[in-house]
Amino acid sequence: MRVSVIGGSSVGEQHYDLARDVGRLLGQRGHEVVCGGLGGVMEGVCRGAIETGGHTIGVLPGEDRAAANEYVETAVATGLGNARNALVVLNGDGAIAIDGSTGTLSEIALALDRGLAVAGLDTYDIEGVEAVETPEKAIEHVEREAGHRYESER
C-alpha cells in the first residue's frame, strides 16, 4: 500500500521525530511513502522509511528533481508549485497528517474529497480526520480503512 504522509515543511524536533517514527513503521510494514519530497515532516518520514528498507516517493513542487531531500528514492518534478498537493494525495491509498500549515490543510481536504482514510497526529481537528495519539494508531487506522475501501470496490 502507498501512504501519503503530509505535514509541515519546517518543523521542530518533536514533529520531525514523530514523522520519522511513522516512516519507520510504514517501512517495516512494507508500505511505500508518498510525500512532497522536501524538508520537515517530508524528510523525517522518508528518513524513517529508508532506515527500515522502505521505499519513498517525493512529488516536488518545482522542476528540479535534485531539490528532493536526501531520503527520497523516486523524485517526481512537477513544476506545479502547491498544485502538486493533489498529486501527493492522488498517489496514496490513505493519508497521515502530521502538524502542518495551509498546504497540509489543502492535502487533507483533497484526501477527504477522494474518500481516503486520513489519520491526524497533532494536526487540524476536522470532521473526517481520525485524531490519533501515536504513529502506530495512525497506520492502523489507514490500513483498516483502506482495506475496507478495497473490499467494497471488489
Protein backbone atom coordinates (compact mmCIF):
# COMPACT_ATOMS: atom_id res chain seq x y z
CA MET A 1 0.00 0.00 0.00
CA ARG A 2 1.10 3.57 -0.61
CA VAL A 3 0.55 6.05 2.19
CA SER A 4 0.66 9.80 1.60
CA VAL A 5 2.31 11.48 4.56
CA ILE A 6 1.62 15.19 4.70
CA GLY A 7 2.82 17.87 7.06
CA GLY A 8 4.88 20.93 7.73
CA SER A 9 7.98 21.68 5.71
CA SER A 10 9.57 23.47 8.64
CA VAL A 11 9.04 21.67 11.95
CA GLY A 12 10.65 21.30 15.32
CA GLU A 13 12.42 18.22 16.59
CA GLN A 14 9.24 16.73 18.11
CA HIS A 15 7.32 16.66 14.82
CA TYR A 16 10.39 15.59 12.83
CA ASP A 17 10.88 12.63 15.17
CA LEU A 18 7.17 11.79 15.01
CA ALA A 19 7.36 11.74 11.20
CA ARG A 20 10.49 9.61 11.35
CA ASP A 21 8.69 7.10 13.58
CA VAL A 22 5.78 6.99 11.12
CA GLY A 23 8.25 6.34 8.29
CA ARG A 24 9.98 3.55 10.20
CA LEU A 25 6.70 1.79 10.87
CA LEU A 26 5.49 2.21 7.30
CA GLY A 27 8.79 0.77 6.05
CA GLN A 28 8.64 -2.14 8.47
CA ARG A 29 5.11 -2.95 7.32
CA GLY A 30 6.11 -2.90 3.65
CA HIS A 31 4.26 0.29 2.69
CA GLU A 32 5.58 2.93 0.30
CA VAL A 33 5.71 6.56 1.40
CA VAL A 34 4.43 9.33 -0.86
CA CYS A 35 5.15 12.89 0.21
CA GLY A 36 6.02 16.34 -1.08
CA GLY A 37 9.71 15.45 -1.11
CA LEU A 38 11.11 18.47 0.73
CA GLY A 39 12.10 19.09 4.38
CA GLY A 40 10.41 18.88 7.76
CA VAL A 41 7.79 16.13 8.05
CA MET A 42 8.57 15.03 4.50
CA GLU A 43 12.26 14.49 5.26
CA GLY A 44 11.52 12.83 8.59
CA VAL A 45 9.09 10.28 7.14
CA CYS A 46 11.41 9.47 4.23
CA ARG A 47 14.38 9.07 6.55
CA GLY A 48 12.48 6.67 8.80
CA ALA A 49 11.21 4.63 5.85
CA ILE A 50 14.66 4.33 4.28
CA GLU A 51 16.17 3.26 7.61
CA THR A 52 13.90 0.20 7.60
CA GLY A 53 14.20 -0.67 3.91
CA GLY A 54 11.02 1.13 2.87
CA HIS A 55 10.53 2.99 -0.39
CA THR A 56 9.92 6.71 -0.76
CA ILE A 57 8.41 8.87 -3.48
CA GLY A 58 8.68 12.66 -3.41
CA VAL A 59 6.31 14.72 -5.55
CA LEU A 60 8.12 18.03 -5.83
CA PRO A 61 6.64 21.47 -6.44
CA GLY A 62 9.47 22.59 -8.72
CA GLU A 63 11.14 21.41 -11.88
CA ASP A 64 14.37 20.12 -10.32
CA ARG A 65 14.42 16.54 -9.03
CA ALA A 66 17.66 17.32 -7.19
CA ALA A 67 15.66 19.55 -4.82
CA ALA A 68 14.30 16.45 -3.08
CA ASN A 69 15.53 15.62 0.40
CA GLU A 70 18.31 13.04 0.54
CA TYR A 71 15.95 10.24 1.63
CA VAL A 72 13.66 10.38 -1.42
CA GLU A 73 14.29 7.41 -3.70
CA THR A 74 11.98 8.43 -6.52
CA ALA A 75 11.74 12.17 -7.09
CA VAL A 76 8.99 13.45 -9.37
CA ALA A 77 9.43 17.03 -10.55
CA THR A 78 6.13 18.70 -11.40
CA GLY A 79 6.69 22.43 -11.85
CA LEU A 80 3.22 22.85 -10.33
CA GLY A 81 4.00 24.61 -7.06
CA ASN A 82 1.38 23.88 -4.41
CA ALA A 83 -0.92 22.40 -7.05
CA ARG A 84 1.29 19.31 -6.72
CA ASN A 85 -0.54 18.65 -3.42
CA ALA A 86 -3.28 16.98 -5.44
CA LEU A 87 -0.72 14.54 -6.89
CA VAL A 88 0.70 13.71 -3.45
CA VAL A 89 -2.77 12.70 -2.28
CA LEU A 90 -3.80 11.06 -5.56
CA ASN A 91 -0.90 8.62 -5.30
CA GLY A 92 -1.71 7.38 -1.81
CA ASP A 93 -4.23 4.80 -0.64
CA GLY A 94 -4.63 6.71 2.63
CA ALA A 95 -3.06 9.71 4.31
CA ILE A 96 -1.37 10.57 7.58
CA ALA A 97 -1.16 14.26 8.50
CA ILE A 98 1.45 15.49 10.98
CA ASP A 99 1.39 19.10 12.16
CA GLY A 100 1.28 21.37 9.12
CA SER A 101 0.03 24.64 7.78
CA THR A 102 -2.15 25.65 4.84
CA GLY A 103 -0.51 23.22 2.41
CA THR A 104 -1.27 20.35 4.77
CA LEU A 105 -4.80 21.61 5.17
CA SER A 106 -5.29 21.56 1.39
CA GLU A 107 -3.94 18.00 1.21
CA ILE A 108 -6.28 16.89 4.00
CA ALA A 109 -9.23 18.35 2.09
CA LEU A 110 -8.13 16.68 -1.14
CA ALA A 111 -7.76 13.32 0.62
CA LEU A 112 -11.19 13.60 2.22
CA ASP A 113 -12.71 14.58 -1.14
CA ARG A 114 -11.24 11.37 -2.60
CA GLY A 115 -12.77 9.34 0.23
CA LEU A 116 -9.39 8.36 1.67
CA ALA A 117 -8.80 7.47 5.28
CA VAL A 118 -6.94 10.31 6.99
CA ALA A 119 -5.25 9.95 10.35
CA GLY A 120 -4.02 13.07 12.13
CA LEU A 121 -1.12 13.39 14.54
CA ASP A 122 -1.09 16.82 16.19
CA THR A 123 -2.79 18.45 13.20
CA TYR A 124 -6.10 20.03 12.24
CA ASP A 125 -9.26 18.91 14.04
CA ILE A 126 -11.54 18.43 11.06
CA GLU A 127 -14.51 16.14 10.52
CA GLY A 128 -13.28 13.05 8.70
CA VAL A 129 -9.77 13.17 10.16
CA GLU A 130 -9.19 10.47 12.77
CA ALA A 131 -7.21 12.16 15.54
CA VAL A 132 -4.71 9.65 16.94
CA GLU A 133 -2.02 9.80 19.59
CA THR A 134 0.67 7.53 18.16
CA PRO A 135 2.25 6.59 14.84
CA GLU A 136 1.02 3.02 15.37
CA LYS A 137 -2.59 4.16 15.69
CA ALA A 138 -2.26 6.36 12.60
CA ILE A 139 -1.03 3.48 10.48
CA GLU A 140 -3.58 1.05 11.91
CA HIS A 141 -6.38 3.47 11.01
CA VAL A 142 -5.17 3.93 7.44
CA GLU A 143 -4.59 0.19 6.96
CA ARG A 144 -8.02 -0.71 8.33
CA GLU A 145 -9.95 1.92 6.38
CA ALA A 146 -8.04 1.40 3.13
CA GLY A 147 -8.73 -2.33 3.48
CA HIS A 148 -12.46 -1.69 3.86
CA ARG A 149 -12.42 0.58 0.82
CA TYR A 150 -10.79 -2.06 -1.36
CA GLU A 151 -13.18 -4.76 -0.15
CA SER A 152 -16.19 -2.63 -1.10
CA GLU A 153 -14.73 -1.89 -4.55
CA ARG A 154 -14.38 -5.59 -5.38
